[in-house]
Amino acid sequence: MLSELDELVTDAVYLDAGVTASQEAVSRARAASRLWRVTAVDDLVLGPVLQ
C-alpha cells in the first residue's frame, strides 16, 4: 500500500499552526538541529527502543 502511495504522490503540503508552510520554511526546519524530550511510563522499555 505505501509503495503504491509513494508512486502516486509527487508533492506534499506542510502546515505550521494551521497555515501552509513554504518549501523554504520546511527546508530550514529540517536543517536545524533540535533537542527532543521523550518520557515513558517504563524507562526500562524506553532505553532499548531509543538505541
PDB file of N, CA and C in Angstrom:
ATOM      1  N   MET A   1       0.817  -1.191   0.000  1.00  0.00           N
ATOM      2  CA  MET A   1       0.000   0.000   0.000  1.00  0.00           C
ATOM      3  C   MET A   1       0.863   1.258   0.000  1.00  0.00           C
ATOM      4  N   LEU A   2       1.865   1.317   0.890  1.00  0.00           N
ATOM      5  CA  LEU A   2       2.705   2.513   0.955  1.00  0.00           C
ATOM      6  C   LEU A   2       3.525   2.700  -0.312  1.00  0.00           C
ATOM      7  N   SER A   3       3.995   1.616  -0.906  1.00  0.00           N
ATOM      8  CA  SER A   3       4.765   1.764  -2.143  1.00  0.00           C
ATOM      9  C   SER A   3       3.888   2.293  -3.267  1.00  0.00           C
ATOM     10  N   GLU A   4       2.625   1.877  -3.295  1.00  0.00           N
ATOM     11  CA  GLU A   4       1.701   2.390  -4.305  1.00  0.00           C
ATOM     12  C   GLU A   4       1.416   3.869  -4.066  1.00  0.00           C
ATOM     13  N   LEU A   5       1.259   4.261  -2.814  1.00  0.00           N
ATOM     14  CA  LEU A   5       1.015   5.656  -2.481  1.00  0.00           C
ATOM     15  C   LEU A   5       2.214   6.509  -2.864  1.00  0.00           C
ATOM     16  N   ASP A   6       3.407   5.989  -2.647  1.00  0.00           N
ATOM     17  CA  ASP A   6       4.622   6.711  -2.992  1.00  0.00           C
ATOM     18  C   ASP A   6       4.682   6.981  -4.491  1.00  0.00           C
ATOM     19  N   GLU A   7       4.187   6.046  -5.290  1.00  0.00           N
ATOM     20  CA  GLU A   7       4.180   6.234  -6.736  1.00  0.00           C
ATOM     21  C   GLU A   7       3.165   7.286  -7.164  1.00  0.00           C
ATOM     22  N   LEU A   8       2.125   7.492  -6.375  1.00  0.00           N
ATOM     23  CA  LEU A   8       1.081   8.444  -6.726  1.00  0.00           C
ATOM     24  C   LEU A   8       1.390   9.861  -6.262  1.00  0.00           C
ATOM     25  N   VAL A   9       2.059   9.993  -5.137  1.00  0.00           N
ATOM     26  CA  VAL A   9       2.300  11.298  -4.531  1.00  0.00           C
ATOM     27  C   VAL A   9       3.547  11.921  -5.144  1.00  0.00           C
ATOM     28  N   THR A  10       3.407  13.163  -5.613  1.00  0.00           N
ATOM     29  CA  THR A  10       4.556  13.869  -6.167  1.00  0.00           C
ATOM     30  C   THR A  10       4.923  15.095  -5.347  1.00  0.00           C
ATOM     31  N   ASP A  11       4.046  15.515  -4.444  1.00  0.00           N
ATOM     32  CA  ASP A  11       4.303  16.700  -3.640  1.00  0.00           C
ATOM     33  C   ASP A  11       3.511  16.596  -2.348  1.00  0.00           C
ATOM     34  N   ALA A  12       3.814  17.444  -1.395  1.00  0.00           N
ATOM     35  CA  ALA A  12       3.113  17.432  -0.114  1.00  0.00           C
ATOM     36  C   ALA A  12       2.862  18.865   0.339  1.00  0.00           C
ATOM     37  N   VAL A  13       1.869  19.031   1.191  1.00  0.00           N
ATOM     38  CA  VAL A  13       1.560  20.333   1.778  1.00  0.00           C
ATOM     39  C   VAL A  13       1.863  20.234   3.260  1.00  0.00           C
ATOM     40  N   TYR A  14       2.663  21.156   3.765  1.00  0.00           N
ATOM     41  CA  TYR A  14       3.014  21.180   5.174  1.00  0.00           C
ATOM     42  C   TYR A  14       2.285  22.331   5.851  1.00  0.00           C
ATOM     43  N   LEU A  15       1.759  22.052   7.031  1.00  0.00           N
ATOM     44  CA  LEU A  15       1.061  23.083   7.792  1.00  0.00           C
ATOM     45  C   LEU A  15       1.860  23.421   9.040  1.00  0.00           C
ATOM     46  N   ASP A  16       1.878  24.692   9.375  1.00  0.00           N
ATOM     47  CA  ASP A  16       2.516  25.169  10.596  1.00  0.00           C
ATOM     48  C   ASP A  16       1.516  26.077  11.290  1.00  0.00           C
ATOM     49  N   ALA A  17       0.976  25.622  12.407  1.00  0.00           N
ATOM     50  CA  ALA A  17      -0.049  26.366  13.152  1.00  0.00           C
ATOM     51  C   ALA A  17      -1.256  26.687  12.269  1.00  0.00           C
ATOM     52  N   GLY A  18      -1.630  25.726  11.419  1.00  0.00           N
ATOM     53  CA  GLY A  18      -2.807  25.893  10.580  1.00  0.00           C
ATOM     54  C   GLY A  18      -2.587  26.698   9.316  1.00  0.00           C
ATOM     55  N   VAL A  19      -1.342  27.108   9.058  1.00  0.00           N
ATOM     56  CA  VAL A  19      -1.018  27.905   7.877  1.00  0.00           C
ATOM     57  C   VAL A  19      -0.064  27.088   7.003  1.00  0.00           C
ATOM     58  N   THR A  20      -0.285  27.135   5.700  1.00  0.00           N
ATOM     59  CA  THR A  20       0.593  26.423   4.780  1.00  0.00           C
ATOM     60  C   THR A  20       2.018  26.956   4.892  1.00  0.00           C
ATOM     61  N   ALA A  21       2.966  26.047   5.067  1.00  0.00           N
ATOM     62  CA  ALA A  21       4.374  26.430   5.180  1.00  0.00           C
ATOM     63  C   ALA A  21       5.038  26.335   3.815  1.00  0.00           C
ATOM     64  N   SER A  22       5.930  27.268   3.526  1.00  0.00           N
ATOM     65  CA  SER A  22       6.644  27.252   2.247  1.00  0.00           C
ATOM     66  C   SER A  22       7.690  26.142   2.255  1.00  0.00           C
ATOM     67  N   GLN A  23       8.144  25.767   1.060  1.00  0.00           N
ATOM     68  CA  GLN A  23       9.191  24.751   0.964  1.00  0.00           C
ATOM     69  C   GLN A  23      10.475  25.239   1.629  1.00  0.00           C
ATOM     70  N   GLU A  24      10.735  26.538   1.558  1.00  0.00           N
ATOM     71  CA  GLU A  24      11.924  27.092   2.196  1.00  0.00           C
ATOM     72  C   GLU A  24      11.847  26.937   3.716  1.00  0.00           C
ATOM     73  N   ALA A  25      10.669  27.199   4.277  1.00  0.00           N
ATOM     74  CA  ALA A  25      10.498  27.067   5.733  1.00  0.00           C
ATOM     75  C   ALA A  25      10.671  25.617   6.168  1.00  0.00           C
ATOM     76  N   VAL A  26      10.156  24.702   5.376  1.00  0.00           N
ATOM     77  CA  VAL A  26      10.301  23.281   5.696  1.00  0.00           C
ATOM     78  C   VAL A  26      11.768  22.880   5.607  1.00  0.00           C
ATOM     79  N   SER A  27      12.465  23.346   4.579  1.00  0.00           N
ATOM     80  CA  SER A  27      13.892  23.025   4.428  1.00  0.00           C
ATOM     81  C   SER A  27      14.708  23.567   5.587  1.00  0.00           C
ATOM     82  N   ARG A  28      14.421  24.803   6.018  1.00  0.00           N
ATOM     83  CA  ARG A  28      15.135  25.381   7.165  1.00  0.00           C
ATOM     84  C   ARG A  28      14.867  24.579   8.428  1.00  0.00           C
ATOM     85  N   ALA A  29      13.628  24.163   8.632  1.00  0.00           N
ATOM     86  CA  ALA A  29      13.277  23.394   9.833  1.00  0.00           C
ATOM     87  C   ALA A  29      13.976  22.037   9.834  1.00  0.00           C
ATOM     88  N   ARG A  30      14.070  21.416   8.671  1.00  0.00           N
ATOM     89  CA  ARG A  30      14.734  20.105   8.594  1.00  0.00           C
ATOM     90  C   ARG A  30      16.228  20.222   8.825  1.00  0.00           C
ATOM     91  N   ALA A  31      16.825  21.352   8.425  1.00  0.00           N
ATOM     92  CA  ALA A  31      18.273  21.536   8.578  1.00  0.00           C
ATOM     93  C   ALA A  31      18.664  21.940   9.994  1.00  0.00           C
ATOM     94  N   ALA A  32      17.736  22.512  10.739  1.00  0.00           N
ATOM     95  CA  ALA A  32      18.041  22.988  12.092  1.00  0.00           C
ATOM     96  C   ALA A  32      18.107  21.808  13.064  1.00  0.00           C
ATOM     97  N   SER A  33      19.065  21.886  13.963  1.00  0.00           N
ATOM     98  CA  SER A  33      19.132  20.838  14.987  1.00  0.00           C
ATOM     99  C   SER A  33      18.150  21.181  16.095  1.00  0.00           C
ATOM    100  N   ARG A  34      17.662  20.161  16.758  1.00  0.00           N
ATOM    101  CA  ARG A  34      16.714  20.388  17.847  1.00  0.00           C
ATOM    102  C   ARG A  34      16.865  19.296  18.900  1.00  0.00           C
ATOM    103  N   LEU A  35      16.530  19.640  20.098  1.00  0.00           N
ATOM    104  CA  LEU A  35      16.553  18.690  21.199  1.00  0.00           C
ATOM    105  C   LEU A  35      15.174  18.063  21.346  1.00  0.00           C
ATOM    106  N   TRP A  36      15.164  16.797  21.673  1.00  0.00           N
ATOM    107  CA  TRP A  36      13.898  16.089  21.887  1.00  0.00           C
ATOM    108  C   TRP A  36      13.854  15.600  23.321  1.00  0.00           C
ATOM    109  N   ARG A  37      12.696  15.685  23.928  1.00  0.00           N
ATOM    110  CA  ARG A  37      12.479  15.117  25.262  1.00  0.00           C
ATOM    111  C   ARG A  37      11.454  14.009  25.116  1.00  0.00           C
ATOM    112  N   VAL A  38      11.866  12.836  25.521  1.00  0.00           N
ATOM    113  CA  VAL A  38      10.996  11.669  25.424  1.00  0.00           C
ATOM    114  C   VAL A  38      10.830  11.106  26.821  1.00  0.00           C
ATOM    115  N   THR A  39       9.596  10.878  27.212  1.00  0.00           N
ATOM    116  CA  THR A  39       9.331  10.279  28.513  1.00  0.00           C
ATOM    117  C   THR A  39       8.524   9.006  28.315  1.00  0.00           C
ATOM    118  N   ALA A  40       8.595   8.155  29.305  1.00  0.00           N
ATOM    119  CA  ALA A  40       7.858   6.900  29.239  1.00  0.00           C
ATOM    120  C   ALA A  40       7.422   6.495  30.635  1.00  0.00           C
ATOM    121  N   VAL A  41       6.396   5.725  30.690  1.00  0.00           N
ATOM    122  CA  VAL A  41       5.933   5.192  31.969  1.00  0.00           C
ATOM    123  C   VAL A  41       6.963   4.203  32.493  1.00  0.00           C
ATOM    124  N   ASP A  42       7.564   3.428  31.589  1.00  0.00           N
ATOM    125  CA  ASP A  42       8.533   2.405  31.971  1.00  0.00           C
ATOM    126  C   ASP A  42       9.876   2.717  31.301  1.00  0.00           C
ATOM    127  N   ASP A  43      10.804   3.304  32.047  1.00  0.00           N
ATOM    128  CA  ASP A  43      12.102   3.681  31.494  1.00  0.00           C
ATOM    129  C   ASP A  43      12.910   2.480  31.014  1.00  0.00           C
ATOM    130  N   LEU A  44      12.693   1.323  31.578  1.00  0.00           N
ATOM    131  CA  LEU A  44      13.431   0.128  31.162  1.00  0.00           C
ATOM    132  C   LEU A  44      13.057  -0.273  29.737  1.00  0.00           C
ATOM    133  N   VAL A  45      11.856   0.008  29.324  1.00  0.00           N
ATOM    134  CA  VAL A  45      11.412  -0.295  27.965  1.00  0.00           C
ATOM    135  C   VAL A  45      11.890   0.797  26.992  1.00  0.00           C
ATOM    136  N   LEU A  46      11.914   2.020  27.455  1.00  0.00           N
ATOM    137  CA  LEU A  46      12.270   3.155  26.588  1.00  0.00           C
ATOM    138  C   LEU A  46      13.723   3.086  26.123  1.00  0.00           C
ATOM    139  N   GLY A  47      14.632   2.754  27.003  1.00  0.00           N
ATOM    140  CA  GLY A  47      16.057   2.734  26.674  1.00  0.00           C
ATOM    141  C   GLY A  47      16.388   1.924  25.422  1.00  0.00           C
ATOM    142  N   PRO A  48      16.031   0.658  25.362  1.00  0.00           N
ATOM    143  CA  PRO A  48      16.344  -0.143  24.167  1.00  0.00           C
ATOM    144  C   PRO A  48      15.653   0.353  22.896  1.00  0.00           C
ATOM    145  N   VAL A  49      14.491   0.933  23.035  1.00  0.00           N
ATOM    146  CA  VAL A  49      13.767   1.426  21.862  1.00  0.00           C
ATOM    147  C   VAL A  49      14.507   2.604  21.228  1.00  0.00           C
ATOM    148  N   LEU A  50      15.123   3.450  22.041  1.00  0.00           N
ATOM    149  CA  LEU A  50      15.795   4.633  21.536  1.00  0.00           C
ATOM    150  C   LEU A  50      17.195   4.339  20.991  1.00  0.00           C
ATOM    151  N   GLN A  51      17.737   3.180  21.276  1.00  0.00           N
ATOM    152  CA  GLN A  51      19.113   2.883  20.836  1.00  0.00           C
ATOM    153  C   GLN A  51      19.154   2.318  19.474  1.00  0.00           C
TER     154      GLN A  51
END
